[in-house]
Amino acid sequence: MKSKTIIKHNLYFDSVSLMKISGQVSSLPGVKEVLVGMGTELNKELLQNMGLLSAEMEKAAPNDLMIGIQAESNDALETALSEIEKSFDKKHNTAKSESSRKFQTIQQVADTNEGFNLAAVSVPGQYAATECKNALKNNMHVFLFSDNVTVEEEIALKDLALEKGLLMMGPDCGTAIINGVPLGFANRVRRGDIGIVAASGTGLQHITTLIDHLGGGISQAIGTGGRDLSEKVGGKTIFAALDALKDDPKTKVVVILSKPPAPGVAKKVLEKAGHLAKPVVLCLFGQDKIEGLGSINQCLDIEETAVKAVSLALGRDAQFSDSYMKKEAVEEFLKTRLPEQKYVRGIFGGGTLCDEAMITFRRQGKIFCSNIPISESERLADIHKSKGNTFIDMGDDYFTRGKPHPMIDPSLRNKRIVQDALENDTAAILIDFVLGHGSHPDPAGVALEAVNEAKAVLKNKKILWLASVVGTKDDPQNYREQIDKLINAGFVVSESNVRLAALAASIAG
C-alpha cells in the first residue's frame, strides 16, 4: 500500500467543496482512503486513524489544507493527486469567471454599501459563530450551513437576530430558498405563494418538489436548524420566520414542517400559527391528530401536506398522480418470492425521509429497527448488521464523520446496498435519491453499480427494488433521465416517499 500526505498553508475551501473532491477521488481505481480537509482536530484524528498523521500535519492550523491518500500503487496515488489539483484549479477558475470581485471577510462586503443583506456561512464550527455575528451586526440575514456550533452560541446569535429583526437560519441548516434563490441543498422549484418554515433539510426539499409537481410554487422556504424547536432554543427562528411569512405579501399559505417540538415550544408554535390570518398547514412527523387546532390544517405526512397546501393556494382540490409508480415489478416479485424473504431494508441518505418511512411502518403495525430510532426499543443492536425490517440513515454523523454526505457521494452506501441485498431474509430494498443543488450529478447511476453487483451474485433470486426520487424537471441531474435509469433497472419508482414506504410495508414481515 502506498501513501502520501501534503499540507497547503493558508488555502481555504468550504467543507462541502472538499467533501465533493474527496468523494470524486475516492471512486478512482486503486484509491483506498482519501481525506481532503482543513486542519481541524477532527480531520487530524481521521488522518491518524488512516496512519497518515505526520508531525507536519499535527501542526496544521484550521486555515491549512490537508491531503492524505492511501492507494494500491504509485500510479493510483499520482492519479489521485492530479485529480485533486485539477479540482482546485477548476474551483479557482470558476470563481474568477463568475465574479470579478472576491471578498475575504463579511465586513468587506458590508463596507461596499451595496445592499447585501444575506450571508451564507459555511466555515469550521469554531469560527462560524463569529462570522454570523459579524453578518448580523451588519444587518444581514444568515444561512448557517456549518454545524459544531454550541447551543449557547446558537441562542446568542438568534437573540441578536431577533433584536435586529433578522432571520438566523441554523446552525446545521441544510436547505432554504429565499426570494427564489436556493441555498445549501435545494431544488429548482416554481415560484409561487406557498411559504414554508421547516426544521428539516431533506423534508424541506421533499415538500418543495412535491408542491412543484402538483402545480404550486414557493414564495419562501426557510430552514431553522434542527435544534430550534428544542426547549433550550425555544423556537426563536421559527417564530421569526412565521412573522416574516405573515408580513410577506407574496405568501398566501404557510406550511410548518418539523419533528414534534418540545411541549412548551409546541404550545407557543400552535398559538402563533393560529393567529397568522393566513391558511396554515402543519405537519409534525410522527404526531397523531391534535385536538382543538381551530383553523390550522394538520397533516400526517409530507405528501398530504403538499397536497393540502397546493389545494389552499389554488382554491381547488389538488390531485397527486404518481405517474412513475409502475407496479408490474411488485407483481413479478410476489410470484417468485421465497419463504425466507420477509423483510424490508431501507438505506437512506435523507434523515427525514428515513423518519417518514419508519413512521409509515409503525402506523401499519410493522416492527422495525434503526440507527436513528423513533424510540430506544427500536434501536439497531449492531449498526453494521440489519435485523428484520431495518432503516439506516447513512447521512447520520456516525457514517459521515470526516466523509462526504451520501447526497454528495452516494457510493458510500453501495457496500450496504450489496450487503443487505445478499441477506437471505431480504425481500425489498428501499433507497432514496435526492437531486438538486449540491447533490451528486448521477446518484442513480452510482447506486446501480451496487444493484448490478448484487444481481450478479443473486442470479435468479429476485429482490424488490424501490426508489423514492426527490427532485424536479429543472434540477441539474436531469430528473427524467434519473427516473428512466431506475425504471430500466427494474425499480418501482415514486415521487412520494411515504407512498413508496406504504408499499414496502404492505409486503414486509
Protein backbone atom coordinates (compact mmCIF):
# COMPACT_ATOMS: atom_id res chain seq x y z
CA MET A 1 0.00 0.00 0.00
CA LYS A 2 1.33 3.45 -0.98
CA SER A 3 0.52 6.62 0.93
CA LYS A 4 1.23 10.34 0.80
CA THR A 5 0.34 13.47 2.77
CA ILE A 6 0.50 17.09 1.65
CA ILE A 7 -0.20 20.31 3.53
CA LYS A 8 -1.06 23.59 1.77
CA HIS A 9 -0.74 26.52 4.13
CA ASN A 10 -3.41 29.23 4.19
CA LEU A 11 -5.54 27.66 1.46
CA TYR A 12 -9.20 27.55 2.49
CA PHE A 13 -12.13 25.76 0.84
CA ASP A 14 -15.53 25.23 2.38
CA SER A 15 -16.40 21.79 3.75
CA VAL A 16 -18.98 20.96 1.05
CA SER A 17 -16.45 21.59 -1.74
CA LEU A 18 -13.82 19.45 -0.01
CA MET A 19 -16.32 16.64 0.61
CA LYS A 20 -17.16 16.62 -3.11
CA ILE A 21 -13.49 16.43 -4.04
CA SER A 22 -12.88 13.60 -1.53
CA GLY A 23 -15.88 11.71 -2.88
CA GLN A 24 -14.78 12.04 -6.50
CA VAL A 25 -11.22 10.95 -5.78
CA SER A 26 -12.23 8.03 -3.55
CA SER A 27 -14.05 6.45 -6.51
CA LEU A 28 -10.89 6.33 -8.65
CA PRO A 29 -9.40 2.86 -9.36
CA GLY A 30 -6.83 1.79 -6.79
CA VAL A 31 -7.64 4.53 -4.24
CA LYS A 32 -8.36 3.04 -0.81
CA GLU A 33 -8.55 6.06 1.50
CA VAL A 34 -8.58 9.79 0.86
CA LEU A 35 -9.03 12.83 3.04
CA VAL A 36 -9.08 16.37 1.67
CA GLY A 37 -9.91 18.72 4.52
CA MET A 38 -8.97 21.68 6.61
CA GLY A 39 -6.58 21.34 9.57
CA THR A 40 -9.24 20.73 12.21
CA GLU A 41 -8.78 18.39 15.16
CA LEU A 42 -11.40 16.03 13.71
CA ASN A 43 -9.55 15.76 10.39
CA LYS A 44 -6.26 15.19 12.21
CA GLU A 45 -7.88 12.36 14.15
CA LEU A 46 -9.13 10.85 10.89
CA LEU A 47 -5.64 11.07 9.39
CA GLN A 48 -4.28 9.36 12.49
CA ASN A 49 -6.79 6.53 12.05
CA MET A 50 -5.55 6.18 8.47
CA GLY A 51 -1.96 6.05 9.75
CA LEU A 52 -1.11 9.29 7.95
CA LEU A 53 -0.80 11.88 10.72
CA SER A 54 2.76 13.16 10.31
CA ALA A 55 4.46 15.66 12.62
CA GLU A 56 3.87 18.35 9.99
CA MET A 57 0.15 17.53 9.83
CA GLU A 58 -0.13 17.72 13.62
CA LYS A 59 0.96 21.36 13.41
CA ALA A 60 -1.57 22.27 10.70
CA ALA A 61 -3.75 25.28 11.50
CA PRO A 62 -7.50 25.36 10.77
CA ASN A 63 -6.80 27.53 7.69
CA ASP A 64 -4.31 25.00 6.30
CA LEU A 65 -5.49 22.41 3.78
CA MET A 66 -4.51 18.78 4.45
CA ILE A 67 -4.42 15.97 1.88
CA GLY A 68 -3.97 12.32 2.83
CA ILE A 69 -4.15 9.42 0.37
CA GLN A 70 -3.68 5.66 0.52
CA ALA A 71 -3.60 3.77 -2.77
CA GLU A 72 -2.67 0.37 -4.15
CA SER A 73 0.13 1.70 -6.37
CA ASN A 74 2.23 4.77 -7.10
CA ASP A 75 0.31 5.29 -10.33
CA ALA A 76 -3.02 5.33 -8.49
CA LEU A 77 -1.53 7.71 -5.93
CA GLU A 78 -0.29 10.14 -8.56
CA THR A 79 -3.59 9.99 -10.46
CA ALA A 80 -5.48 10.84 -7.27
CA LEU A 81 -3.20 13.79 -6.53
CA SER A 82 -3.56 15.02 -10.10
CA GLU A 83 -7.36 14.90 -9.86
CA ILE A 84 -7.29 16.84 -6.58
CA GLU A 85 -5.15 19.57 -8.14
CA LYS A 86 -7.47 19.74 -11.16
CA SER A 87 -10.44 20.17 -8.81
CA PHE A 88 -8.68 23.05 -7.02
CA ASP A 89 -7.88 24.71 -10.36
CA LYS A 90 -11.45 24.27 -11.59
CA LYS A 91 -12.90 25.86 -8.46
CA HIS A 92 -10.43 28.73 -8.69
CA ASN A 93 -11.19 29.37 -12.38
CA THR A 94 -14.93 29.09 -11.81
CA ALA A 95 -14.77 31.64 -9.01
CA LYS A 96 -12.81 34.01 -11.26
CA SER A 97 -15.25 33.66 -14.16
CA GLU A 98 -18.37 34.05 -12.03
CA SER A 99 -17.37 37.29 -10.36
CA SER A 100 -14.72 39.93 -10.82
CA ARG A 101 -14.72 40.61 -7.09
CA LYS A 102 -13.61 38.42 -4.24
CA PHE A 103 -14.09 39.32 -0.58
CA GLN A 104 -12.05 37.94 2.29
CA THR A 105 -14.45 38.87 5.09
CA ILE A 106 -18.11 39.71 5.65
CA GLN A 107 -17.03 43.15 6.83
CA GLN A 108 -15.50 43.86 3.42
CA VAL A 109 -18.84 43.03 1.82
CA ALA A 110 -20.72 45.27 4.25
CA ASP A 111 -18.30 48.13 3.63
CA THR A 112 -19.28 48.25 -0.07
CA ASN A 113 -22.67 49.68 0.99
CA GLU A 114 -24.27 47.90 -1.96
CA GLY A 115 -27.19 46.47 -0.05
CA PHE A 116 -26.03 42.89 0.53
CA ASN A 117 -28.49 41.56 3.09
CA LEU A 118 -27.95 37.78 3.38
CA ALA A 119 -24.82 35.84 4.29
CA ALA A 120 -24.41 32.09 3.71
CA VAL A 121 -21.86 30.81 6.23
CA SER A 122 -20.02 27.51 5.75
CA VAL A 123 -16.80 27.58 7.78
CA PRO A 124 -15.42 25.33 10.52
CA GLY A 125 -17.74 25.40 13.54
CA GLN A 126 -15.25 27.14 15.81
CA TYR A 127 -15.31 30.20 13.51
CA ALA A 128 -18.95 30.06 12.43
CA ALA A 129 -20.45 31.97 15.36
CA THR A 130 -18.03 34.88 14.89
CA GLU A 131 -18.81 35.16 11.17
CA CYS A 132 -22.55 35.01 11.84
CA LYS A 133 -22.27 37.70 14.49
CA ASN A 134 -20.43 39.95 12.04
CA ALA A 135 -23.15 39.42 9.44
CA LEU A 136 -25.97 40.14 11.87
CA LYS A 137 -24.27 43.28 13.16
CA ASN A 138 -24.13 44.45 9.53
CA ASN A 139 -27.88 43.86 9.13
CA MET A 140 -27.60 40.65 7.10
CA HIS A 141 -29.86 37.66 7.46
CA VAL A 142 -27.82 34.47 7.99
CA PHE A 143 -27.98 31.00 6.48
CA LEU A 144 -25.62 28.92 8.66
CA PHE A 145 -24.73 25.64 6.98
CA SER A 146 -21.96 24.80 9.46
CA ASP A 147 -22.52 22.52 12.43
CA ASN A 148 -20.42 22.11 15.60
CA VAL A 149 -21.80 25.41 16.93
CA THR A 150 -22.69 25.22 20.63
CA VAL A 151 -26.27 25.65 21.75
CA GLU A 152 -25.18 28.67 23.81
CA GLU A 153 -23.73 30.30 20.69
CA GLU A 154 -26.90 29.48 18.76
CA ILE A 155 -29.09 31.13 21.39
CA ALA A 156 -26.90 34.24 21.49
CA LEU A 157 -26.94 34.57 17.69
CA LYS A 158 -30.69 34.10 17.48
CA ASP A 159 -31.28 36.65 20.23
CA LEU A 160 -29.15 39.14 18.31
CA ALA A 161 -31.08 38.38 15.11
CA LEU A 162 -34.41 38.94 16.87
CA GLU A 163 -33.15 42.21 18.31
CA LYS A 164 -32.28 43.42 14.79
CA GLY A 165 -35.35 41.97 13.05
CA LEU A 166 -33.32 39.44 11.05
CA LEU A 167 -33.53 35.70 10.28
CA MET A 168 -30.87 33.42 11.74
CA MET A 169 -31.24 30.08 9.90
CA GLY A 170 -29.18 27.32 11.52
CA PRO A 171 -26.72 26.10 12.65
CA ASP A 172 -26.67 22.90 10.62
CA CYS A 173 -29.28 24.35 8.26
CA GLY A 174 -29.06 22.31 5.08
CA THR A 175 -31.73 23.91 2.89
CA ALA A 176 -33.51 27.19 2.19
CA ILE A 177 -34.98 29.06 -0.77
CA ILE A 178 -35.11 32.82 -0.22
CA ASN A 179 -36.74 35.01 -2.89
CA GLY A 180 -36.20 32.20 -5.39
CA VAL A 181 -32.51 31.75 -4.56
CA PRO A 182 -31.62 28.18 -3.44
CA LEU A 183 -29.23 27.88 -0.50
CA GLY A 184 -27.39 24.71 0.55
CA PHE A 185 -29.01 21.53 -0.73
CA ALA A 186 -32.08 22.77 -2.58
CA ASN A 187 -34.06 22.07 -5.73
CA ARG A 188 -35.12 24.24 -8.65
CA VAL A 189 -38.80 24.77 -7.98
CA ARG A 190 -41.51 27.02 -9.34
CA ARG A 191 -42.05 30.41 -7.70
CA GLY A 192 -45.46 30.83 -6.10
CA ASP A 193 -47.39 31.77 -2.99
CA ILE A 194 -46.67 28.94 -0.52
CA GLY A 195 -44.27 29.84 2.29
CA ILE A 196 -42.60 27.08 4.31
CA VAL A 197 -40.71 27.02 7.58
CA ALA A 198 -39.02 23.72 8.38
CA ALA A 199 -36.58 22.22 10.86
CA SER A 200 -35.68 19.52 8.33
CA GLY A 201 -33.41 19.77 5.30
CA THR A 202 -34.47 16.80 3.18
CA GLY A 203 -38.04 17.27 4.41
CA LEU A 204 -37.96 20.81 3.07
CA GLN A 205 -36.56 19.56 -0.24
CA HIS A 206 -39.20 16.87 -0.50
CA ILE A 207 -42.19 19.13 0.15
CA THR A 208 -40.96 21.86 -2.21
CA THR A 209 -40.53 19.33 -5.04
CA LEU A 210 -43.96 17.75 -4.42
CA ILE A 211 -45.55 21.21 -4.45
CA ASP A 212 -43.82 21.82 -7.78
CA HIS A 213 -45.14 18.50 -9.17
CA LEU A 214 -48.66 19.48 -8.06
CA GLY A 215 -48.53 22.77 -9.93
CA GLY A 216 -47.92 25.02 -6.92
CA GLY A 217 -44.99 27.28 -6.19
CA ILE A 218 -42.79 28.52 -3.37
CA SER A 219 -42.61 32.10 -2.09
CA GLN A 220 -40.05 31.36 0.65
CA ALA A 221 -38.65 28.16 2.17
CA ILE A 222 -36.98 28.94 5.48
CA GLY A 223 -34.85 26.39 7.34
CA THR A 224 -34.42 26.76 11.09
CA GLY A 225 -31.76 24.20 12.01
CA GLY A 226 -32.53 21.01 13.89
CA ARG A 227 -32.28 22.40 17.45
CA ASP A 228 -34.50 25.42 17.01
CA LEU A 229 -37.63 23.81 18.44
CA SER A 230 -35.84 22.33 21.44
CA GLU A 231 -36.67 23.53 24.95
CA LYS A 232 -33.33 25.35 25.23
CA VAL A 233 -33.51 27.32 21.99
CA GLY A 234 -37.26 27.82 22.30
CA GLY A 235 -38.22 28.16 18.63
CA LYS A 236 -36.57 31.55 18.16
CA THR A 237 -36.13 31.16 14.39
CA ILE A 238 -39.49 29.56 13.70
CA PHE A 239 -41.28 32.44 15.40
CA ALA A 240 -39.25 34.98 13.42
CA ALA A 241 -39.93 33.02 10.21
CA LEU A 242 -43.68 32.91 10.89
CA ASP A 243 -43.68 36.67 11.43
CA ALA A 244 -41.80 37.13 8.15
CA LEU A 245 -44.25 34.92 6.23
CA LYS A 246 -47.20 36.69 7.84
CA ASP A 247 -45.93 40.04 6.56
CA ASP A 248 -44.83 38.73 3.15
CA PRO A 249 -47.41 39.85 0.53
CA LYS A 250 -46.27 37.06 -1.82
CA THR A 251 -47.14 34.33 0.71
CA LYS A 252 -50.79 33.23 0.81
CA VAL A 253 -50.41 29.82 2.51
CA VAL A 254 -47.98 28.92 5.32
CA VAL A 255 -46.57 25.42 5.91
CA ILE A 256 -44.86 24.30 9.14
CA LEU A 257 -42.78 21.12 8.89
CA SER A 258 -40.88 19.56 11.79
CA LYS A 259 -40.48 16.72 14.21
CA PRO A 260 -42.70 17.31 17.27
CA PRO A 261 -41.24 20.30 19.18
CA ALA A 262 -40.59 20.34 22.92
CA PRO A 263 -44.02 20.54 24.62
CA GLY A 264 -43.63 24.14 25.77
CA VAL A 265 -42.42 25.25 22.35
CA ALA A 266 -45.19 23.29 20.57
CA LYS A 267 -47.87 25.17 22.50
CA LYS A 268 -46.41 28.54 21.50
CA VAL A 269 -45.96 27.48 17.86
CA LEU A 270 -49.61 26.39 17.60
CA GLU A 271 -50.76 29.62 19.23
CA LYS A 272 -48.64 31.69 16.85
CA ALA A 273 -49.82 29.71 13.81
CA GLY A 274 -53.45 30.16 14.78
CA HIS A 275 -53.11 33.96 14.60
CA LEU A 276 -51.34 34.38 11.24
CA ALA A 277 -54.51 35.44 9.39
CA LYS A 278 -53.39 33.12 6.57
CA PRO A 279 -54.19 29.43 5.99
CA VAL A 280 -51.69 27.24 7.87
CA VAL A 281 -50.79 23.62 7.10
CA LEU A 282 -49.00 21.77 9.90
CA CYS A 283 -47.02 18.52 9.72
CA LEU A 284 -45.20 17.23 12.80
CA PHE A 285 -43.62 13.87 11.88
CA GLY A 286 -44.99 11.04 14.00
CA GLN A 287 -47.51 13.26 15.77
CA ASP A 288 -51.06 11.90 15.82
CA LYS A 289 -54.04 14.18 15.30
CA ILE A 290 -54.12 17.12 17.72
CA GLU A 291 -57.49 18.25 19.03
CA GLY A 292 -58.55 21.88 19.12
CA LEU A 293 -56.36 23.24 16.31
CA GLY A 294 -59.11 25.50 15.01
CA SER A 295 -58.21 26.85 11.58
CA ILE A 296 -54.86 25.02 11.40
CA ASN A 297 -54.85 22.16 8.90
CA GLN A 298 -52.91 19.22 10.34
CA CYS A 299 -51.46 16.59 8.01
CA LEU A 300 -49.65 13.38 8.89
CA ASP A 301 -47.06 13.09 6.11
CA ILE A 302 -45.23 15.20 3.55
CA GLU A 303 -47.34 14.19 0.55
CA GLU A 304 -50.60 15.02 2.35
CA THR A 305 -49.10 18.34 3.47
CA ALA A 306 -48.07 19.28 -0.08
CA VAL A 307 -51.50 18.38 -1.49
CA LYS A 308 -53.30 20.43 1.17
CA ALA A 309 -51.03 23.45 0.72
CA VAL A 310 -51.45 23.48 -3.06
CA SER A 311 -55.22 22.97 -2.76
CA LEU A 312 -55.46 26.02 -0.49
CA ALA A 313 -53.20 28.09 -2.74
CA LEU A 314 -55.05 27.21 -5.95
CA GLY A 315 -58.53 27.31 -4.42
CA ARG A 316 -59.35 23.82 -5.70
CA ASP A 317 -58.53 20.22 -4.84
CA ALA A 318 -55.05 19.24 -5.98
CA GLN A 319 -54.59 15.61 -7.00
CA PHE A 320 -51.29 13.77 -6.73
CA SER A 321 -50.64 11.50 -9.70
CA ASP A 322 -47.64 9.22 -9.19
CA SER A 323 -47.08 8.67 -12.90
CA TYR A 324 -43.80 6.78 -12.46
CA MET A 325 -45.01 4.23 -9.89
CA LYS A 326 -45.44 1.19 -12.12
CA LYS A 327 -46.24 -1.86 -10.00
CA GLU A 328 -45.50 -4.63 -12.50
CA ALA A 329 -42.21 -5.27 -10.71
CA VAL A 330 -44.13 -5.86 -7.46
CA GLU A 331 -46.34 -8.46 -9.09
CA GLU A 332 -43.33 -10.18 -10.64
CA PHE A 333 -41.52 -10.24 -7.28
CA LEU A 334 -44.50 -11.69 -5.41
CA LYS A 335 -44.67 -14.59 -7.89
CA THR A 336 -41.06 -15.60 -7.20
CA ARG A 337 -40.70 -14.54 -3.55
CA LEU A 338 -39.05 -17.18 -1.38
CA PRO A 339 -40.49 -18.06 2.07
CA GLU A 340 -37.46 -16.66 3.90
CA GLN A 341 -37.74 -13.29 2.12
CA LYS A 342 -39.66 -11.44 4.81
CA TYR A 343 -38.10 -8.04 5.48
CA VAL A 344 -37.57 -4.57 4.03
CA ARG A 345 -34.22 -2.79 4.26
CA GLY A 346 -34.33 0.99 3.85
CA ILE A 347 -30.97 2.60 3.06
CA PHE A 348 -31.38 6.37 3.15
CA GLY A 349 -29.30 9.48 2.63
CA GLY A 350 -32.04 11.80 3.90
CA GLY A 351 -32.73 11.55 7.63
CA THR A 352 -36.26 12.94 7.38
CA LEU A 353 -37.12 10.52 4.58
CA CYS A 354 -35.86 7.69 6.79
CA ASP A 355 -38.03 9.00 9.66
CA GLU A 356 -41.10 9.19 7.43
CA ALA A 357 -40.62 5.60 6.25
CA MET A 358 -40.35 4.36 9.84
CA ILE A 359 -43.45 6.29 10.88
CA THR A 360 -45.31 4.71 7.96
CA PHE A 361 -44.26 1.24 9.08
CA ARG A 362 -45.28 1.99 12.67
CA ARG A 363 -48.73 3.15 11.55
CA GLN A 364 -49.16 -0.12 9.66
CA GLY A 365 -48.21 -2.10 12.77
CA LYS A 366 -44.86 -3.30 11.42
CA ILE A 367 -41.89 -3.86 13.74
CA PHE A 368 -38.55 -2.36 12.67
CA CYS A 369 -35.20 -1.15 13.96
CA SER A 370 -32.86 1.67 13.01
CA ASN A 371 -29.69 3.59 13.80
CA ILE A 372 -31.94 6.68 14.29
CA PRO A 373 -34.86 5.03 16.11
CA ILE A 374 -38.11 6.76 16.97
CA SER A 375 -37.92 5.09 20.40
CA GLU A 376 -34.97 3.36 22.09
CA SER A 377 -36.69 -0.01 21.90
CA GLU A 378 -36.28 0.22 18.11
CA ARG A 379 -32.53 0.85 18.16
CA LEU A 380 -30.47 -1.45 15.93
CA ALA A 381 -28.13 -3.51 18.13
CA ASP A 382 -25.31 -3.61 15.57
CA ILE A 383 -25.29 -0.61 13.25
CA HIS A 384 -23.42 -2.63 10.63
CA LYS A 385 -25.88 -5.53 10.55
CA SER A 386 -29.54 -5.31 9.54
CA LYS A 387 -32.09 -7.28 11.51
CA GLY A 388 -35.72 -7.72 10.50
CA ASN A 389 -37.16 -4.59 8.91
CA THR A 390 -34.26 -2.14 9.15
CA PHE A 391 -33.95 1.53 8.28
CA ILE A 392 -30.47 3.05 8.05
CA ASP A 393 -29.76 6.77 7.75
CA MET A 394 -26.38 6.82 6.01
CA GLY A 395 -26.31 10.58 6.47
CA ASP A 396 -26.04 10.19 10.25
CA ASP A 397 -22.90 11.60 11.86
CA TYR A 398 -21.61 8.08 12.55
CA PHE A 399 -21.25 7.40 8.82
CA THR A 400 -20.26 10.90 7.67
CA ARG A 401 -17.56 11.64 10.23
CA GLY A 402 -14.80 13.06 8.07
CA LYS A 403 -16.52 11.80 4.90
CA PRO A 404 -18.88 13.34 2.35
CA HIS A 405 -22.61 13.10 2.96
CA PRO A 406 -24.22 10.38 0.78
CA MET A 407 -26.11 13.07 -1.12
CA ILE A 408 -22.67 14.30 -2.24
CA ASP A 409 -21.05 10.87 -2.62
CA PRO A 410 -23.73 8.15 -2.99
CA SER A 411 -21.07 5.44 -3.32
CA LEU A 412 -20.72 5.50 0.49
CA ARG A 413 -23.86 3.39 0.78
CA ASN A 414 -23.11 0.97 -2.07
CA LYS A 415 -21.44 -1.53 0.23
CA ARG A 416 -24.53 -1.57 2.45
CA ILE A 417 -26.83 -2.00 -0.56
CA VAL A 418 -24.92 -5.10 -1.66
CA GLN A 419 -24.64 -6.44 1.89
CA ASP A 420 -28.37 -6.19 2.57
CA ALA A 421 -29.36 -7.48 -0.87
CA LEU A 422 -27.39 -10.68 -0.24
CA GLU A 423 -29.08 -11.40 3.11
CA ASN A 424 -31.37 -14.43 2.78
CA ASP A 425 -34.29 -12.73 4.54
CA THR A 426 -34.28 -9.52 2.45
CA ALA A 427 -37.46 -9.06 0.43
CA ALA A 428 -37.14 -5.43 -0.65
CA ILE A 429 -34.59 -2.63 -0.57
CA LEU A 430 -35.83 0.95 -0.35
CA ILE A 431 -33.42 3.71 -1.45
CA ASP A 432 -33.89 7.48 -1.63
CA PHE A 433 -32.42 9.65 -4.39
CA VAL A 434 -32.23 13.37 -3.58
CA LEU A 435 -31.46 15.61 -6.54
CA GLY A 436 -30.82 19.35 -6.70
CA HIS A 437 -28.02 21.80 -5.99
CA GLY A 438 -25.14 20.31 -4.03
CA SER A 439 -26.11 16.70 -4.73
CA HIS A 440 -24.17 14.20 -6.86
CA PRO A 441 -24.69 14.64 -10.63
CA ASP A 442 -25.76 11.00 -11.13
CA PRO A 443 -26.97 9.35 -7.89
CA ALA A 444 -29.00 6.72 -9.76
CA GLY A 445 -26.00 5.67 -11.83
CA VAL A 446 -23.82 5.28 -8.74
CA ALA A 447 -26.41 3.17 -6.89
CA LEU A 448 -26.96 0.95 -9.92
CA GLU A 449 -23.31 -0.12 -9.72
CA ALA A 450 -24.16 -1.77 -6.37
CA VAL A 451 -27.50 -3.09 -7.61
CA ASN A 452 -25.86 -4.78 -10.60
CA GLU A 453 -23.13 -6.23 -8.38
CA ALA A 454 -25.80 -7.75 -6.10
CA LYS A 455 -27.83 -9.06 -9.05
CA ALA A 456 -24.76 -10.82 -10.44
CA VAL A 457 -24.42 -12.80 -7.20
CA LEU A 458 -28.14 -13.38 -6.65
CA LYS A 459 -28.61 -14.63 -10.24
CA ASN A 460 -32.21 -15.94 -10.38
CA LYS A 461 -33.23 -14.83 -6.89
CA LYS A 462 -35.37 -11.69 -7.01
CA ILE A 463 -35.22 -8.60 -4.78
CA LEU A 464 -37.90 -5.91 -4.95
CA TRP A 465 -36.04 -2.66 -5.62
CA LEU A 466 -37.83 0.53 -4.52
CA ALA A 467 -36.74 4.13 -5.19
CA SER A 468 -38.13 7.42 -3.91
CA VAL A 469 -36.86 10.32 -6.01
CA VAL A 470 -36.83 13.88 -4.67
CA GLY A 471 -36.35 16.36 -7.49
CA THR A 472 -37.88 18.38 -10.32
CA LYS A 473 -37.53 18.51 -14.09
CA ASP A 474 -35.37 21.63 -13.77
CA ASP A 475 -32.79 20.12 -11.42
CA PRO A 476 -29.25 19.81 -12.81
CA GLN A 477 -29.20 15.98 -12.65
CA ASN A 478 -31.82 15.57 -15.44
CA TYR A 479 -34.80 14.29 -13.45
CA ARG A 480 -36.35 12.22 -16.22
CA GLU A 481 -33.04 10.56 -17.04
CA GLN A 482 -32.59 9.55 -13.39
CA ILE A 483 -36.13 8.10 -13.31
CA ASP A 484 -35.58 6.17 -16.55
CA LYS A 485 -32.32 4.64 -15.32
CA LEU A 486 -34.07 3.28 -12.24
CA ILE A 487 -37.14 2.00 -14.08
CA ASN A 488 -34.99 0.30 -16.72
CA ALA A 489 -33.08 -1.43 -13.90
CA GLY A 490 -36.33 -2.87 -12.55
CA PHE A 491 -37.04 -0.37 -9.75
CA VAL A 492 -40.50 0.64 -8.61
CA VAL A 493 -40.15 4.43 -8.55
CA SER A 494 -42.23 7.03 -6.72
CA GLU A 495 -42.06 10.80 -6.34
CA SER A 496 -43.64 10.36 -2.89
CA ASN A 497 -41.51 8.84 -0.14
CA VAL A 498 -44.49 7.97 2.09
CA ARG A 499 -46.34 6.28 -0.76
CA LEU A 500 -43.35 4.08 -1.51
CA ALA A 501 -42.85 3.30 2.19
CA ALA A 502 -46.50 2.24 2.45
CA LEU A 503 -45.97 -0.13 -0.49
CA ALA A 504 -42.88 -1.55 1.23
CA ALA A 505 -44.80 -2.01 4.48
CA SER A 506 -47.54 -3.93 2.68
CA ILE A 507 -45.10 -6.72 1.78
CA ALA A 508 -42.98 -6.60 4.94
CA GLY A 509 -42.98 -9.30 7.60
